[in-house]
N, C-alpha and C. Protein backbone atom coordinates (compact mmCIF):
# COMPACT_ATOMS: atom_id res chain seq x y z
N MET A 1 58.13 -75.86 -134.16
CA MET A 1 56.76 -75.83 -133.75
C MET A 1 55.92 -76.54 -134.80
N LYS A 2 55.16 -77.52 -134.35
CA LYS A 2 54.27 -78.25 -135.26
C LYS A 2 52.85 -77.74 -135.06
N LEU A 3 52.23 -77.40 -136.16
CA LEU A 3 50.85 -76.92 -136.15
C LEU A 3 49.98 -77.87 -136.95
N ASN A 4 48.75 -78.04 -136.49
CA ASN A 4 47.76 -78.84 -137.20
C ASN A 4 46.57 -77.92 -137.47
N LEU A 5 46.63 -77.24 -138.62
CA LEU A 5 45.73 -76.13 -138.92
C LEU A 5 44.54 -76.55 -139.77
N THR A 6 43.39 -75.95 -139.46
CA THR A 6 42.26 -76.06 -140.37
C THR A 6 42.56 -75.17 -141.58
N THR A 7 41.80 -75.34 -142.63
CA THR A 7 41.99 -74.48 -143.81
C THR A 7 41.77 -73.02 -143.43
N TRP A 8 40.76 -72.75 -142.61
CA TRP A 8 40.49 -71.38 -142.18
C TRP A 8 41.69 -70.80 -141.44
N GLN A 9 42.24 -71.57 -140.50
CA GLN A 9 43.40 -71.09 -139.74
C GLN A 9 44.59 -70.83 -140.66
N ARG A 10 44.81 -71.74 -141.57
CA ARG A 10 45.94 -71.59 -142.49
C ARG A 10 45.79 -70.33 -143.34
N LEU A 11 44.59 -70.11 -143.85
CA LEU A 11 44.35 -68.92 -144.66
C LEU A 11 44.45 -67.64 -143.83
N GLN A 12 43.97 -67.68 -142.60
CA GLN A 12 44.08 -66.51 -141.73
C GLN A 12 45.54 -66.16 -141.46
N LEU A 13 46.34 -67.19 -141.17
CA LEU A 13 47.77 -66.94 -140.94
C LEU A 13 48.44 -66.42 -142.20
N LEU A 14 48.08 -66.98 -143.34
CA LEU A 14 48.66 -66.52 -144.60
C LEU A 14 48.32 -65.05 -144.85
N MET A 15 47.05 -64.68 -144.65
CA MET A 15 46.65 -63.28 -144.85
C MET A 15 47.34 -62.36 -143.84
N LEU A 16 47.48 -62.84 -142.61
CA LEU A 16 48.15 -62.06 -141.57
C LEU A 16 49.60 -61.79 -141.95
N VAL A 17 50.29 -62.82 -142.39
CA VAL A 17 51.71 -62.68 -142.74
C VAL A 17 51.86 -61.89 -144.05
N ASN A 18 50.93 -62.06 -144.98
CA ASN A 18 50.98 -61.29 -146.23
C ASN A 18 50.86 -59.79 -145.99
N SER A 19 50.22 -59.40 -144.90
CA SER A 19 50.00 -57.98 -144.63
C SER A 19 51.13 -57.33 -143.82
N VAL A 20 52.15 -58.11 -143.49
CA VAL A 20 53.26 -57.59 -142.69
C VAL A 20 54.00 -56.50 -143.46
N GLN A 21 54.34 -55.45 -142.74
CA GLN A 21 55.18 -54.38 -143.28
C GLN A 21 56.33 -54.18 -142.30
N GLY A 22 57.47 -53.79 -142.82
CA GLY A 22 58.58 -53.55 -141.91
C GLY A 22 59.90 -53.48 -142.61
N ASP A 23 60.96 -53.61 -141.82
CA ASP A 23 62.30 -53.56 -142.37
C ASP A 23 62.62 -54.86 -143.11
N LEU A 24 63.81 -54.92 -143.68
CA LEU A 24 64.18 -56.07 -144.50
C LEU A 24 64.16 -57.39 -143.73
N ARG A 25 64.60 -57.37 -142.49
CA ARG A 25 64.59 -58.61 -141.69
C ARG A 25 63.16 -59.09 -141.45
N THR A 26 62.28 -58.15 -141.18
CA THR A 26 60.87 -58.48 -140.95
C THR A 26 60.25 -59.07 -142.21
N ILE A 27 60.51 -58.45 -143.34
CA ILE A 27 59.96 -58.94 -144.61
C ILE A 27 60.53 -60.32 -144.93
N ASN A 28 61.79 -60.54 -144.64
CA ASN A 28 62.40 -61.85 -144.88
C ASN A 28 61.71 -62.94 -144.05
N LYS A 29 61.41 -62.65 -142.78
CA LYS A 29 60.69 -63.60 -141.94
C LYS A 29 59.30 -63.87 -142.51
N ALA A 30 58.63 -62.80 -142.91
CA ALA A 30 57.28 -62.95 -143.47
C ALA A 30 57.31 -63.82 -144.72
N LEU A 31 58.29 -63.60 -145.60
CA LEU A 31 58.38 -64.39 -146.83
C LEU A 31 58.61 -65.87 -146.54
N LYS A 32 59.41 -66.17 -145.54
CA LYS A 32 59.65 -67.57 -145.17
C LYS A 32 58.36 -68.22 -144.67
N LEU A 33 57.58 -67.48 -143.89
CA LEU A 33 56.31 -68.02 -143.41
C LEU A 33 55.30 -68.15 -144.54
N ILE A 34 55.30 -67.21 -145.46
CA ILE A 34 54.41 -67.31 -146.62
C ILE A 34 54.71 -68.59 -147.39
N ASP A 35 55.99 -68.89 -147.57
CA ASP A 35 56.37 -70.12 -148.27
C ASP A 35 55.82 -71.36 -147.57
N LEU A 36 55.79 -71.34 -146.23
CA LEU A 36 55.26 -72.48 -145.48
C LEU A 36 53.74 -72.58 -145.54
N LEU A 37 53.09 -71.43 -145.54
CA LEU A 37 51.63 -71.39 -145.41
C LEU A 37 50.87 -71.43 -146.73
N GLU A 38 51.48 -70.94 -147.79
CA GLU A 38 50.78 -70.92 -149.09
C GLU A 38 50.43 -72.34 -149.53
N MET A 39 49.27 -72.49 -150.10
CA MET A 39 48.83 -73.80 -150.57
C MET A 39 49.28 -74.02 -152.01
N SER A 40 49.74 -75.22 -152.25
CA SER A 40 50.09 -75.60 -153.63
C SER A 40 48.79 -75.76 -154.42
N GLU A 41 48.92 -75.85 -155.72
CA GLU A 41 47.72 -76.07 -156.55
C GLU A 41 47.03 -77.37 -156.17
N ASP A 42 47.82 -78.41 -155.88
CA ASP A 42 47.24 -79.70 -155.48
C ASP A 42 46.46 -79.57 -154.17
N GLU A 43 47.02 -78.83 -153.21
CA GLU A 43 46.34 -78.64 -151.93
C GLU A 43 45.05 -77.84 -152.12
N GLN A 44 45.11 -76.82 -152.95
CA GLN A 44 43.91 -76.03 -153.23
C GLN A 44 42.83 -76.90 -153.86
N GLU A 45 43.24 -77.74 -154.78
CA GLU A 45 42.31 -78.64 -155.45
C GLU A 45 41.71 -79.64 -154.46
N GLU A 46 42.55 -80.12 -153.54
CA GLU A 46 42.11 -81.12 -152.57
C GLU A 46 40.92 -80.65 -151.74
N VAL A 47 40.90 -79.37 -151.37
CA VAL A 47 39.79 -78.85 -150.57
C VAL A 47 38.82 -78.01 -151.38
N GLY A 48 39.05 -77.89 -152.68
CA GLY A 48 38.16 -77.10 -153.53
C GLY A 48 38.23 -75.61 -153.23
N LEU A 49 39.41 -75.12 -152.92
CA LEU A 49 39.59 -73.70 -152.58
C LEU A 49 39.34 -72.82 -153.79
N ARG A 50 38.47 -71.82 -153.58
CA ARG A 50 38.15 -70.86 -154.64
C ARG A 50 38.17 -69.45 -154.05
N SER A 51 38.68 -68.53 -154.85
CA SER A 51 38.67 -67.13 -154.47
C SER A 51 37.37 -66.50 -154.96
N THR A 52 36.73 -65.72 -154.09
CA THR A 52 35.49 -65.02 -154.46
C THR A 52 35.70 -63.52 -154.19
N PRO A 53 34.79 -62.68 -154.65
CA PRO A 53 34.94 -61.24 -154.37
C PRO A 53 34.96 -60.91 -152.87
N THR A 54 34.38 -61.78 -152.05
CA THR A 54 34.33 -61.52 -150.60
C THR A 54 35.33 -62.33 -149.79
N GLY A 55 36.17 -63.12 -150.44
CA GLY A 55 37.14 -63.92 -149.71
C GLY A 55 37.39 -65.25 -150.39
N PHE A 56 37.38 -66.31 -149.58
CA PHE A 56 37.64 -67.66 -150.09
C PHE A 56 36.52 -68.59 -149.66
N THR A 57 36.29 -69.62 -150.46
CA THR A 57 35.41 -70.72 -150.08
C THR A 57 36.15 -72.02 -150.33
N TRP A 58 35.75 -73.07 -149.61
CA TRP A 58 36.34 -74.39 -149.80
C TRP A 58 35.31 -75.42 -149.39
N ASN A 59 35.51 -76.64 -149.86
CA ASN A 59 34.51 -77.70 -149.68
C ASN A 59 34.68 -78.53 -148.41
N ASP A 60 35.89 -78.62 -147.88
CA ASP A 60 36.15 -79.53 -146.77
C ASP A 60 36.53 -78.75 -145.51
N PRO A 61 35.54 -78.39 -144.68
CA PRO A 61 35.84 -77.60 -143.49
C PRO A 61 36.60 -78.37 -142.41
N ASN A 62 36.62 -79.69 -142.50
CA ASN A 62 37.27 -80.51 -141.48
C ASN A 62 38.72 -80.86 -141.80
N LYS A 63 39.16 -80.52 -143.00
CA LYS A 63 40.53 -80.83 -143.40
C LYS A 63 41.52 -80.09 -142.51
N ARG A 64 42.55 -80.81 -142.07
CA ARG A 64 43.62 -80.20 -141.27
C ARG A 64 44.94 -80.39 -142.00
N TRP A 65 45.80 -79.42 -141.82
CA TRP A 65 47.10 -79.38 -142.50
C TRP A 65 48.21 -79.38 -141.45
N ASP A 66 49.16 -80.28 -141.61
CA ASP A 66 50.32 -80.30 -140.73
C ASP A 66 51.37 -79.36 -141.30
N ILE A 67 51.67 -78.32 -140.55
CA ILE A 67 52.65 -77.32 -140.94
C ILE A 67 53.70 -77.28 -139.83
N GLU A 68 54.96 -77.39 -140.21
CA GLU A 68 56.03 -77.32 -139.21
C GLU A 68 56.87 -76.08 -139.44
N VAL A 69 56.96 -75.27 -138.39
CA VAL A 69 57.82 -74.09 -138.41
C VAL A 69 59.06 -74.48 -137.60
N LYS A 70 60.11 -74.86 -138.30
CA LYS A 70 61.31 -75.39 -137.63
C LYS A 70 62.16 -74.31 -136.97
N ASP A 71 62.17 -73.14 -137.55
CA ASP A 71 62.98 -72.03 -137.05
C ASP A 71 62.28 -71.36 -135.86
N ARG A 72 62.94 -71.35 -134.70
CA ARG A 72 62.34 -70.78 -133.49
C ARG A 72 62.02 -69.29 -133.64
N ASN A 73 62.90 -68.59 -134.34
CA ASN A 73 62.66 -67.15 -134.55
C ASN A 73 61.41 -66.92 -135.39
N LEU A 74 61.21 -67.77 -136.41
CA LEU A 74 60.00 -67.65 -137.23
C LEU A 74 58.76 -67.98 -136.42
N ALA A 75 58.86 -69.02 -135.58
CA ALA A 75 57.72 -69.41 -134.74
C ALA A 75 57.37 -68.27 -133.78
N ALA A 76 58.39 -67.66 -133.18
CA ALA A 76 58.16 -66.54 -132.26
C ALA A 76 57.54 -65.35 -133.00
N PHE A 77 58.01 -65.10 -134.21
CA PHE A 77 57.48 -64.01 -135.04
C PHE A 77 56.00 -64.25 -135.35
N LEU A 78 55.66 -65.48 -135.73
CA LEU A 78 54.27 -65.82 -136.03
C LEU A 78 53.39 -65.66 -134.79
N LYS A 79 53.87 -66.17 -133.67
CA LYS A 79 53.13 -66.05 -132.41
C LYS A 79 52.89 -64.59 -132.07
N GLN A 80 53.92 -63.78 -132.22
CA GLN A 80 53.82 -62.35 -131.93
C GLN A 80 52.76 -61.68 -132.82
N ARG A 81 52.74 -62.04 -134.10
CA ARG A 81 51.77 -61.45 -135.02
C ARG A 81 50.34 -61.85 -134.67
N VAL A 82 50.16 -63.12 -134.28
CA VAL A 82 48.82 -63.59 -133.91
C VAL A 82 48.35 -62.87 -132.64
N GLU A 83 49.25 -62.72 -131.67
CA GLU A 83 48.91 -62.02 -130.43
C GLU A 83 48.53 -60.57 -130.68
N ALA A 84 49.19 -59.94 -131.64
CA ALA A 84 48.97 -58.52 -131.90
C ALA A 84 47.72 -58.24 -132.73
N LYS A 85 47.21 -59.24 -133.42
CA LYS A 85 46.03 -59.03 -134.29
C LYS A 85 44.83 -58.63 -133.43
N GLN A 86 44.17 -57.57 -133.82
CA GLN A 86 43.08 -56.99 -133.02
C GLN A 86 41.68 -57.26 -133.56
N ASP A 87 41.57 -57.90 -134.72
CA ASP A 87 40.24 -58.02 -135.33
C ASP A 87 39.84 -59.47 -135.63
N TRP A 88 40.13 -60.37 -134.69
CA TRP A 88 39.70 -61.75 -134.87
C TRP A 88 38.17 -61.81 -134.80
N PRO A 89 37.54 -62.58 -135.69
CA PRO A 89 36.07 -62.66 -135.67
C PRO A 89 35.56 -63.60 -134.57
N ALA A 90 34.63 -63.12 -133.77
CA ALA A 90 34.06 -63.93 -132.69
C ALA A 90 33.35 -65.16 -133.25
N ALA A 91 32.79 -65.05 -134.45
CA ALA A 91 32.08 -66.18 -135.07
C ALA A 91 33.01 -67.38 -135.28
N SER A 92 34.30 -67.13 -135.37
CA SER A 92 35.28 -68.21 -135.55
C SER A 92 36.11 -68.39 -134.29
N GLY A 93 35.54 -68.02 -133.16
CA GLY A 93 36.25 -68.04 -131.89
C GLY A 93 36.91 -69.35 -131.53
N ARG A 94 36.22 -70.46 -131.78
CA ARG A 94 36.80 -71.76 -131.43
C ARG A 94 38.08 -72.03 -132.22
N GLU A 95 38.06 -71.66 -133.49
CA GLU A 95 39.26 -71.87 -134.31
C GLU A 95 40.38 -70.92 -133.89
N VAL A 96 40.01 -69.71 -133.48
CA VAL A 96 41.01 -68.75 -132.99
C VAL A 96 41.64 -69.28 -131.71
N LEU A 97 40.82 -69.75 -130.78
CA LEU A 97 41.34 -70.28 -129.52
C LEU A 97 42.20 -71.52 -129.74
N ASP A 98 41.79 -72.38 -130.67
CA ASP A 98 42.59 -73.55 -131.00
C ASP A 98 43.95 -73.12 -131.55
N LEU A 99 43.95 -72.13 -132.41
CA LEU A 99 45.20 -71.61 -132.97
C LEU A 99 46.09 -71.05 -131.86
N CYS A 100 45.51 -70.28 -130.96
CA CYS A 100 46.28 -69.71 -129.84
C CYS A 100 46.89 -70.82 -128.99
N GLU A 101 46.11 -71.85 -128.72
CA GLU A 101 46.61 -72.97 -127.93
C GLU A 101 47.79 -73.64 -128.64
N GLN A 102 47.66 -73.86 -129.94
CA GLN A 102 48.75 -74.50 -130.69
C GLN A 102 50.02 -73.65 -130.69
N LEU A 103 49.84 -72.33 -130.69
CA LEU A 103 50.99 -71.42 -130.70
C LEU A 103 51.54 -71.16 -129.30
N GLY A 104 50.86 -71.68 -128.28
CA GLY A 104 51.31 -71.47 -126.91
C GLY A 104 51.00 -70.09 -126.37
N ILE A 105 49.95 -69.48 -126.89
CA ILE A 105 49.56 -68.15 -126.45
C ILE A 105 48.64 -68.27 -125.24
N LYS A 106 49.04 -67.66 -124.14
CA LYS A 106 48.22 -67.63 -122.93
C LYS A 106 47.24 -66.47 -123.04
N LEU A 107 46.00 -66.76 -122.77
CA LEU A 107 44.97 -65.71 -122.79
C LEU A 107 44.80 -65.16 -121.38
N GLU A 108 44.40 -63.91 -121.26
CA GLU A 108 44.24 -63.27 -119.96
C GLU A 108 43.29 -64.05 -119.06
N ASP A 109 42.19 -64.55 -119.62
CA ASP A 109 41.22 -65.30 -118.83
C ASP A 109 41.85 -66.56 -118.25
N ASP A 110 42.74 -67.22 -119.03
CA ASP A 110 43.42 -68.42 -118.56
C ASP A 110 44.30 -68.09 -117.36
N GLU A 111 44.98 -66.96 -117.41
CA GLU A 111 45.88 -66.57 -116.34
C GLU A 111 45.10 -66.26 -115.07
N ALA A 112 43.91 -65.70 -115.21
CA ALA A 112 43.09 -65.37 -114.04
C ALA A 112 42.58 -66.62 -113.35
N ASP A 113 42.41 -67.72 -114.11
CA ASP A 113 41.91 -68.97 -113.55
C ASP A 113 42.96 -69.70 -112.73
N GLU A 114 44.23 -69.38 -112.92
CA GLU A 114 45.31 -70.13 -112.25
C GLU A 114 45.46 -69.73 -110.81
């Protein structure tokens, strides 16, 4: 699965996967995804990523990152975690919907339109 993520999407996925709890197999999947999603120092510098007491800030909101999840099981695991998340912010709705589209997640409203 090839993803073209904004910095916000990438950080959201990283935080989502960082919060995973479970058995050893689940943790192993999460660690593999963390390795894919974590930004290197060069990448952090490229967008001016900074940690603040309330979260993160960065300078380039339009920057996109090509991330490839080659393992189908990992891709399915990531998709499952995104679908299960219950507290997506409406203020970032467009980025959430873009992420869902990239992951192949069908939304209930989409199914009703068919």
